[in-house]
Protein backbone atom coordinates (compact mmCIF):
# COMPACT_ATOMS: atom_id res chain seq x y z
CA UNK A 1 30.02 -5.24 -19.72
CA UNK A 2 27.43 -5.28 -22.51
CA UNK A 3 26.30 -1.83 -23.70
CA UNK A 4 22.81 -0.63 -24.66
CA UNK A 5 22.46 0.37 -28.29
CA UNK A 6 19.22 2.37 -27.83
CA UNK A 7 17.42 4.40 -25.14
CA UNK A 8 16.08 2.24 -22.32
CA UNK A 9 12.32 1.56 -22.37
CA UNK A 10 10.64 0.15 -19.24
CA UNK A 11 7.13 -1.29 -19.14
CA UNK A 12 5.38 -1.50 -15.75
CA UNK A 13 2.35 -3.68 -15.09
CA UNK A 14 0.27 -2.08 -12.33
CA UNK A 15 -0.57 1.54 -11.48
CA UNK A 16 -0.61 1.16 -7.72
CA UNK A 17 1.46 3.26 -5.36
CA UNK A 18 4.68 1.35 -6.11
CA UNK A 19 4.31 1.23 -9.88
CA UNK A 20 3.46 4.93 -10.15
CA UNK A 21 6.32 5.95 -7.86
CA UNK A 22 8.69 3.92 -10.04
CA UNK A 23 7.31 5.63 -13.17
CA UNK A 24 7.88 9.04 -11.58
CA UNK A 25 11.43 8.10 -10.62
CA UNK A 26 12.27 6.76 -14.07
CA UNK A 27 10.79 9.80 -15.80
CA UNK A 28 12.93 12.02 -13.57
CA UNK A 29 15.99 10.10 -14.78
CA UNK A 30 15.03 10.48 -18.44
CA UNK A 31 13.99 6.85 -18.92
CA UNK A 32 11.10 6.09 -21.27
CA UNK A 33 8.36 4.33 -19.30
CA UNK A 34 4.88 2.94 -19.99
CA UNK A 35 2.42 1.80 -17.30
CA UNK A 36 -0.51 -0.57 -17.87
CA UNK A 37 -3.30 -1.04 -15.31
CA UNK A 38 -6.20 -3.50 -15.23
CA UNK A 39 -8.68 -1.14 -13.52
CA UNK A 40 -10.70 0.85 -16.07
CA UNK A 41 -10.17 4.13 -14.18
CA UNK A 42 -8.01 5.30 -11.26
CA UNK A 43 -11.04 5.33 -8.93
CA UNK A 44 -13.00 2.29 -10.09
CA UNK A 45 -12.76 0.44 -6.76
CA UNK A 46 -12.09 1.00 -3.07
CA UNK A 47 -8.55 0.03 -2.09
CA UNK A 48 -8.43 1.23 1.50
CA UNK A 49 -8.15 4.54 3.27
CA UNK A 50 -5.13 5.86 5.13
CA UNK A 51 -1.50 4.78 4.71
CA UNK A 52 1.30 5.27 7.21
CA UNK A 53 4.39 6.51 5.37
CA UNK A 54 7.45 5.77 7.46
CA UNK A 55 11.00 7.10 7.15
CA UNK A 56 11.77 4.78 4.22
CA UNK A 57 8.60 5.67 2.36
CA UNK A 58 9.21 9.38 2.88
CA UNK A 59 12.74 9.11 1.53
CA UNK A 60 11.56 7.10 -1.46
CA UNK A 61 8.85 9.60 -2.38
CA UNK A 62 11.29 12.50 -2.00
CA UNK A 63 13.77 10.70 -4.28
CA UNK A 64 11.26 9.92 -7.04
CA UNK A 65 8.91 12.92 -7.11
CA UNK A 66 9.54 16.47 -8.31
CA UNK A 67 9.98 18.77 -5.33
CA UNK A 68 6.59 20.44 -5.79
CA UNK A 69 4.78 17.08 -5.77
CA UNK A 70 6.63 15.86 -2.69
CA UNK A 71 5.72 19.14 -1.00
CA UNK A 72 2.11 18.40 -1.96
CA UNK A 73 2.36 14.93 -0.36
CA UNK A 74 3.60 16.47 2.87
CA UNK A 75 0.98 19.22 2.87
CA UNK A 76 -1.88 16.73 2.36
CA UNK A 77 -0.63 14.36 5.07
CA UNK A 78 -1.08 14.28 8.83
CA UNK A 79 1.64 16.02 10.81
CA UNK A 80 4.76 13.97 11.51
CA UNK A 81 4.51 11.74 14.55
CA UNK A 82 6.38 9.00 16.39
CA UNK A 83 4.34 5.75 16.44
CA UNK A 84 3.63 4.68 20.03
CA UNK A 85 2.73 1.05 19.42
CA UNK A 86 -0.17 1.36 21.88
CA UNK A 87 -3.04 -1.14 22.06
CA UNK A 88 -6.31 -1.35 24.00
CA UNK A 89 -8.88 -3.90 25.06
CA UNK A 90 -12.50 -3.65 23.94
CA UNK A 91 -13.34 -1.47 27.00
CA UNK A 92 -10.52 0.95 26.05
CA UNK A 93 -8.19 -0.18 28.81
CA UNK A 94 -4.58 0.31 27.68
CA UNK A 95 -2.85 -3.05 27.19
CA UNK A 96 0.63 -2.02 26.05
CA UNK A 97 2.65 0.86 24.62
CA UNK A 98 6.13 0.72 23.17
CA UNK A 99 6.63 4.48 23.56
CA UNK A 100 5.12 6.79 26.19
CA UNK A 101 2.96 9.76 25.26
CA UNK A 102 4.99 12.88 24.66
CA UNK A 103 7.98 11.08 23.10
CA UNK A 104 10.09 13.80 21.40
CA UNK A 105 9.68 13.97 17.63
CA UNK A 106 12.66 12.72 15.64
CA UNK A 107 12.01 14.15 12.13
CA UNK A 108 14.43 11.69 10.53
CA UNK A 109 12.51 8.66 11.89
CA UNK A 110 8.99 10.03 12.13
CA UNK A 111 6.00 8.85 10.11
CA UNK A 112 3.19 10.66 8.38
CA UNK A 113 -0.27 9.51 7.31
CA UNK A 114 -1.64 10.01 3.81
CA UNK A 115 -4.95 9.23 2.21
CA UNK A 116 -4.33 6.37 -0.26
CA UNK A 117 -6.45 7.86 -3.03
CA UNK A 118 -4.86 11.30 -2.60
CA UNK A 119 -1.35 9.87 -2.77
CA UNK A 120 -2.23 7.92 -5.91
CA UNK A 121 -3.66 11.04 -7.54
CA UNK A 122 -0.45 12.93 -6.73
CA UNK A 123 1.63 10.09 -8.19
CA UNK A 124 -0.48 10.23 -11.39
CA UNK A 125 0.27 13.94 -11.84
CA UNK A 126 2.27 14.38 -15.02
CA UNK A 127 1.83 10.71 -15.99
CA UNK A 128 -1.54 10.86 -17.74
CA UNK A 129 0.15 10.22 -21.10
CA UNK A 130 2.13 7.35 -19.59
CA UNK A 131 -0.55 5.27 -17.83
CA UNK A 132 -3.07 3.23 -19.81
CA UNK A 133 -6.06 1.98 -17.84
CA UNK A 134 -8.22 -1.00 -18.71
CA UNK A 135 -5.25 -3.08 -19.90
CA UNK A 136 -4.68 -6.47 -18.22
CA UNK A 137 -1.24 -8.04 -18.59
CA UNK A 138 -1.62 -11.79 -19.16
CA UNK A 139 2.02 -12.80 -19.61
CA UNK A 140 5.21 -12.17 -21.53
CA UNK A 141 7.84 -13.72 -23.78
CA UNK A 142 11.54 -12.94 -24.06
CA UNK A 143 13.65 -12.93 -27.20
CA UNK A 144 17.22 -11.70 -27.21
CA UNK A 145 17.48 -8.36 -25.47
CA UNK A 146 13.77 -7.55 -25.49
CA UNK A 147 10.64 -8.55 -23.58
CA UNK A 148 7.26 -8.79 -25.31
CA UNK A 149 4.44 -8.12 -22.84
CA UNK A 150 1.13 -9.75 -23.76
CA UNK A 151 -2.30 -8.37 -22.84
CA UNK A 152 -5.50 -10.31 -22.26
CA UNK A 153 -7.00 -8.90 -25.49
CA UNK A 154 -4.10 -10.27 -27.54
CA UNK A 155 -2.22 -7.00 -28.01
CA UNK A 156 1.48 -6.81 -27.21
CA UNK A 157 4.12 -4.21 -26.40
CA UNK A 158 7.91 -4.58 -26.33
CA UNK A 159 10.33 -3.32 -23.70
CA UNK A 160 13.93 -3.54 -22.58
CA UNK A 161 12.82 -4.17 -18.98
CA UNK A 162 9.45 -5.42 -17.74
CA UNK A 163 8.53 -4.62 -14.11
CA UNK A 164 5.71 -6.70 -12.61
CA UNK A 165 3.92 -4.55 -10.02
CA UNK A 166 0.29 -5.61 -10.31
CA UNK A 167 -0.37 -7.08 -6.91
CA UNK A 168 -0.96 -10.37 -5.16
CA UNK A 169 -2.98 -11.93 -8.00
CA UNK A 170 -0.47 -11.07 -10.72
CA UNK A 171 -0.56 -13.43 -13.70
CA UNK A 172 2.88 -12.31 -14.82
CA UNK A 173 4.32 -13.05 -11.36
CA UNK A 174 2.90 -16.56 -11.57
CA UNK A 175 4.79 -17.00 -14.83
CA UNK A 176 8.06 -15.42 -13.64
CA UNK A 177 8.16 -17.06 -10.20
CA UNK A 178 5.59 -19.86 -9.95
CA UNK A 179 7.22 -20.92 -6.69
CA UNK A 180 6.13 -17.66 -5.00
CA UNK A 181 3.01 -18.63 -3.08
CA UNK A 182 0.25 -16.47 -1.67
CA UNK A 183 -0.12 -17.18 2.04
CA UNK A 184 -3.70 -17.03 3.30
CA UNK A 185 -3.59 -15.90 6.92
CA UNK A 186 -7.12 -17.16 7.61
CA UNK A 187 -8.06 -13.59 8.54
CA UNK A 188 -10.71 -11.40 6.97
CA UNK A 189 -11.40 -7.71 7.46
CA UNK A 190 -14.33 -5.33 7.19
CA UNK A 191 -13.30 -1.75 6.44
CA UNK A 192 -15.30 1.36 7.34
CA UNK A 193 -14.81 5.06 8.00
CA UNK A 194 -16.66 7.94 9.62
CA UNK A 195 -16.43 11.72 9.33
CA UNK A 196 -14.07 13.28 11.85
CA UNK A 197 -15.88 16.58 12.27
CA UNK A 198 -16.22 18.90 15.28
CA UNK A 199 -19.08 16.84 16.67
CA UNK A 200 -17.06 13.61 16.49
CA UNK A 201 -14.03 15.27 18.07
CA UNK A 202 -16.20 16.25 21.02
CA UNK A 203 -16.68 12.61 22.08
CA UNK A 204 -13.65 10.72 20.74
CA UNK A 205 -10.85 10.52 23.35
CA UNK A 206 -7.74 12.40 22.12
CA UNK A 207 -5.50 9.40 22.81
CA UNK A 208 -7.27 7.53 19.99
CA UNK A 209 -6.38 10.17 17.41
CA UNK A 210 -2.69 9.48 16.88
CA UNK A 211 -1.26 6.68 14.77
CA UNK A 212 -2.72 3.21 14.47
CA UNK A 213 -4.71 2.15 17.55
CA UNK A 214 -5.51 -1.58 17.61
CA UNK A 215 -8.28 -2.68 19.97
CA UNK A 216 -7.97 -6.37 20.91
CA UNK A 217 -11.43 -7.69 21.64
CA UNK A 218 -12.76 -11.13 22.55
CA UNK A 219 -13.05 -14.04 20.10
CA UNK A 220 -9.85 -12.90 18.33
CA UNK A 221 -11.62 -9.83 16.98
CA UNK A 222 -9.45 -6.75 16.49
CA UNK A 223 -10.64 -3.26 15.62
CA UNK A 224 -7.77 -1.24 14.11
CA UNK A 225 -8.37 2.52 14.32
CA UNK A 226 -6.64 5.38 12.53
CA UNK A 227 -7.36 8.96 11.52
CA UNK A 228 -6.67 11.18 8.52
CA UNK A 229 -6.28 14.87 9.41
CA UNK A 230 -4.19 16.61 6.73
CA UNK A 231 -2.12 19.52 7.91
CA UNK A 232 -3.41 21.64 4.98
CA UNK A 233 -6.85 21.40 3.32
CA UNK A 234 -6.34 19.57 0.03
CA UNK A 235 -7.67 22.33 -2.31
CA UNK A 236 -5.43 24.88 -0.60
CA UNK A 237 -2.40 22.57 -0.83
CA UNK A 238 -2.99 22.07 -4.56
CA UNK A 239 -3.17 25.84 -5.17
CA UNK A 240 0.00 26.39 -3.17
CA UNK A 241 2.25 23.64 -4.50
CA UNK A 242 1.00 22.03 -7.73
CA UNK A 243 -1.99 23.66 -9.45
CA UNK A 244 -1.82 21.07 -12.23
CA UNK A 245 -2.58 18.22 -9.81
CA UNK A 246 -6.13 16.84 -9.94
CA UNK A 247 -6.96 15.92 -6.35
CA UNK A 248 -10.39 15.26 -4.91
CA UNK A 249 -11.15 17.07 -1.63
CA UNK A 250 -11.17 14.64 1.30
CA UNK A 251 -12.77 15.60 4.64
CA UNK A 252 -11.04 14.45 7.83
CA UNK A 253 -12.06 10.92 8.79
CA UNK A 254 -11.52 8.06 11.21
CA UNK A 255 -11.17 4.65 9.60
CA UNK A 256 -11.62 1.30 11.29
CA UNK A 257 -10.88 -2.24 10.22
CA UNK A 258 -12.56 -5.11 12.00
CA UNK A 259 -10.33 -8.19 11.64
CA UNK A 260 -11.29 -11.72 12.68
CA UNK A 261 -10.65 -15.31 11.58
CA UNK A 262 -12.80 -16.32 8.62
CA UNK A 263 -14.74 -18.77 10.82
CA UNK A 264 -15.23 -16.08 13.46
CA UNK A 265 -17.78 -14.14 11.44
CA UNK A 266 -21.48 -14.86 12.07
CA UNK A 267 -21.98 -15.67 8.36
CA UNK A 268 -20.28 -18.14 6.01
CA UNK A 269 -17.19 -16.75 4.31
CA UNK A 270 -18.79 -16.77 0.87
CA UNK A 271 -21.50 -14.46 2.19
CA UNK A 272 -18.89 -12.07 3.56
CA UNK A 273 -17.66 -11.40 0.02
CA UNK A 274 -21.06 -11.28 -1.65
CA UNK A 275 -22.77 -9.11 0.97
CA UNK A 276 -23.56 -5.50 0.09
CA UNK A 277 -22.01 -2.62 2.09
CA UNK A 278 -25.05 -2.19 4.34
CA UNK A 279 -24.96 -5.86 5.32
CA UNK A 280 -21.21 -5.68 6.02
CA UNK A 281 -21.75 -2.64 8.22
CA UNK A 282 -24.50 -4.45 10.12
CA UNK A 283 -22.11 -7.37 10.71
CA UNK A 284 -19.48 -5.02 12.15
CA UNK A 285 -22.06 -3.51 14.49
CA UNK A 286 -23.17 -6.98 15.60
CA UNK A 287 -19.60 -8.19 16.18
CA UNK A 288 -18.73 -5.25 18.45
CA UNK A 289 -21.79 -5.63 20.65
CA UNK A 290 -20.87 -5.07 24.31
CA UNK A 291 -17.69 -3.13 23.51
CA UNK A 292 -16.99 0.35 24.92
CA UNK A 293 -19.70 2.87 23.88
CA UNK A 294 -17.13 5.02 22.07
CA UNK A 295 -16.04 2.09 19.91
CA UNK A 296 -19.63 1.11 19.27
CA UNK A 297 -20.42 4.65 18.21
CA UNK A 298 -17.43 4.77 15.84
CA UNK A 299 -18.65 1.66 14.07
CA UNK A 300 -22.33 2.69 14.08
CA UNK A 301 -21.65 6.17 12.65
CA UNK A 302 -19.54 4.96 9.75
CA UNK A 303 -20.50 5.81 6.21
CA UNK A 304 -22.36 2.57 5.60
CA UNK A 305 -22.37 2.68 1.79
CA UNK A 306 -18.56 2.55 1.57
CA UNK A 307 -18.05 -0.48 3.84
CA UNK A 308 -16.16 -3.32 2.15
CA UNK A 309 -14.44 -6.63 2.96
CA UNK A 310 -10.96 -7.96 2.20
CA UNK A 311 -8.94 -11.12 2.73
CA UNK A 312 -5.68 -10.60 4.60
CA UNK A 313 -2.90 -12.35 2.71
CA UNK A 314 0.86 -12.22 2.40
CA UNK A 315 3.50 -13.27 -0.13
CA UNK A 316 6.71 -14.48 1.52
CA UNK A 317 9.70 -14.15 -0.80
CA UNK A 318 10.77 -17.39 -2.49
CA UNK A 319 14.40 -18.47 -2.66
CA UNK A 320 16.89 -16.71 -4.90
CA UNK A 321 16.18 -16.53 -8.62
CA UNK A 322 18.36 -15.60 -11.57
CA UNK A 323 18.09 -11.94 -12.57
CA UNK A 324 16.77 -11.09 -16.02
CA UNK A 325 15.01 -8.31 -17.88
CA UNK A 326 11.86 -9.16 -15.90
CA UNK A 327 11.74 -8.00 -12.30
CA UNK A 328 9.12 -7.52 -9.59
CA UNK A 329 8.00 -4.79 -7.20
CA UNK A 330 5.60 -4.45 -4.29
CA UNK A 331 2.84 -6.81 -3.21
CA UNK A 332 3.22 -9.22 -6.12
CA UNK A 333 6.56 -10.39 -4.66
CA UNK A 334 6.42 -9.43 -0.96
CA UNK A 335 2.88 -8.67 0.22
CA UNK A 336 2.62 -8.01 3.94
CA UNK A 337 -0.24 -8.09 6.43
CA UNK A 338 -1.61 -4.66 7.48
CA UNK A 339 0.17 -4.76 10.84
CA UNK A 340 2.77 -2.01 11.04
CA UNK A 341 1.74 -0.45 7.74
CA UNK A 342 4.92 -1.63 6.00
CA UNK A 343 3.44 -2.83 2.69
CA UNK A 344 3.21 0.51 0.88
CA UNK A 345 6.53 1.64 2.34
CA UNK A 346 8.31 -1.45 1.06
CA UNK A 347 6.82 -0.92 -2.41
CA UNK A 348 7.94 2.73 -2.38
CA UNK A 349 11.40 1.66 -1.27
CA UNK A 350 11.47 -0.78 -4.21
CA UNK A 351 10.51 2.02 -6.57
CA UNK A 352 13.24 4.39 -5.42
CA UNK A 353 15.93 1.71 -5.51
CA UNK A 354 14.94 0.29 -8.90
CA UNK A 355 14.57 3.71 -10.53
CA UNK A 356 18.04 4.62 -9.28
CA UNK A 357 19.62 1.41 -10.58
CA UNK A 358 17.88 1.54 -13.96
CA UNK A 359 18.48 5.26 -14.27
CA UNK A 360 22.21 4.74 -13.78
CA UNK A 361 22.21 1.94 -16.37
CA UNK A 362 20.35 4.11 -18.88
CA UNK A 363 22.69 7.05 -18.34
CA UNK A 364 25.80 4.91 -18.83
CA UNK A 365 24.23 2.85 -21.64
CA UNK A 366 24.78 -0.37 -19.70
CA UNK A 367 22.83 -3.59 -20.07
CA UNK A 368 19.99 -3.37 -17.54
CA UNK A 369 20.25 -6.96 -16.27
CA UNK A 370 23.12 -6.01 -13.94
CA UNK A 371 21.01 -3.13 -12.59
CA UNK A 372 18.09 -5.51 -12.00
CA UNK A 373 20.40 -7.95 -10.20
CA UNK A 374 21.71 -5.21 -7.88
CA UNK A 375 18.15 -4.11 -7.11
CA UNK A 376 16.92 -7.63 -6.39
CA UNK A 377 19.87 -8.46 -4.14
CA UNK A 378 19.16 -5.46 -1.92
CA UNK A 379 15.36 -5.77 -2.11
CA UNK A 380 15.37 -9.38 -0.87
CA UNK A 381 16.91 -8.36 2.45
CA UNK A 382 14.57 -5.57 3.52
CA UNK A 383 11.49 -7.15 1.93
CA UNK A 384 12.00 -10.46 3.74
CA UNK A 385 12.30 -8.55 7.02
CA UNK A 386 9.13 -6.58 6.25
CA UNK A 387 7.05 -9.66 5.43
CA UNK A 388 8.21 -11.68 8.41
CA UNK A 389 7.77 -8.72 10.76
CA UNK A 390 4.21 -8.24 9.52
CA UNK A 391 3.45 -11.92 10.04
CA UNK A 392 4.77 -11.78 13.59
CA UNK A 393 2.68 -8.67 14.12
CA UNK A 394 -0.43 -10.44 12.85
CA UNK A 395 0.18 -13.23 15.35
CA UNK A 396 0.28 -10.62 18.14
CA UNK A 397 -2.28 -8.00 17.08
CA UNK A 398 -4.74 -10.17 15.14
CA UNK A 399 -3.89 -13.31 17.14
CA UNK A 400 -3.40 -15.28 13.95
CA UNK A 401 -1.95 -18.74 14.33
CA UNK A 402 1.43 -19.99 13.08
CA UNK A 403 2.13 -17.52 10.32
CA UNK A 404 5.82 -16.68 10.69
CA UNK A 405 8.06 -18.38 8.16
CA UNK A 406 11.49 -19.77 8.99
């Protein structure tokens, strides 16, 4: 097997949850890594609120992060819980539940909930000299045993391995695997959140405060509910576990996502994505008219200025491709719908697996292409299952039509 003649250098495009977790894992294995991100700052845009971290995501974070940072993740998350898979109608009548209330906690299989921004800030801890913001990767070229990554401003950087992890709209993914197509589900979502303070807890039914709680309303409108209630206040957790971490305090909140077909909104789709937050909030209020008063109140009391809209898309994996020094991670190669909360977990699983394979190659001075091949062979299996499961879930929960691939 071909041997490396120099220390391994990995370039990652994208500083999302998956790319940063990979950088942490590679740094822990002594691999030189550089991360480039299009956004000008870590907090330049809203990317969502809470994330469910399942057993695979928890294991991946524990494998890639220093112990003190993983302890900080746990401390700033909701307490472990067993997802019930419960759903309601728009009058809060229970429709179905896969597990009854009071199911014993299995710590090995339990999930936790994190705030997306908090998790990303934890993953950035210790990587400030590694991540460059405001740098858009436009493509790459290969020559011999190196990859030259090209930026939109004309600059370049060379690497031994290039990991594409910059999301659904990745230009580099379009070059590497042009056959990988973005699947538009026809669904659009409006996201909002409200403070979960003592006053709110006095009128919100406790059964709505667990994991994800989808409410299936008329006209194929679904209101997905979820809460963020960290087990330790964030400033206290930072002092206790990682004083060097720069985390913003986050009050407890309840988030909601109103999902409907694009043609089910009372405005043309183009207006949905040009409307300001106040207009989007007003649309959500209008579309839940006649629903249970508690649901109406949740929507009405949201922080209106932070309401935003998103398209719900997926990226089913294409057929097999030949491994090389360019590989892919996360949404750019296997984006999922929000159902089940598997997208971030699959990206984290990618990060742990790839950092392990590349770390072994670097330690043994082996050519990294074999490590990439081993990673991609394993990734295809669980990622395909995650994407198809999320598409089936969207057909059930969001009542999308004919999404599941063969």
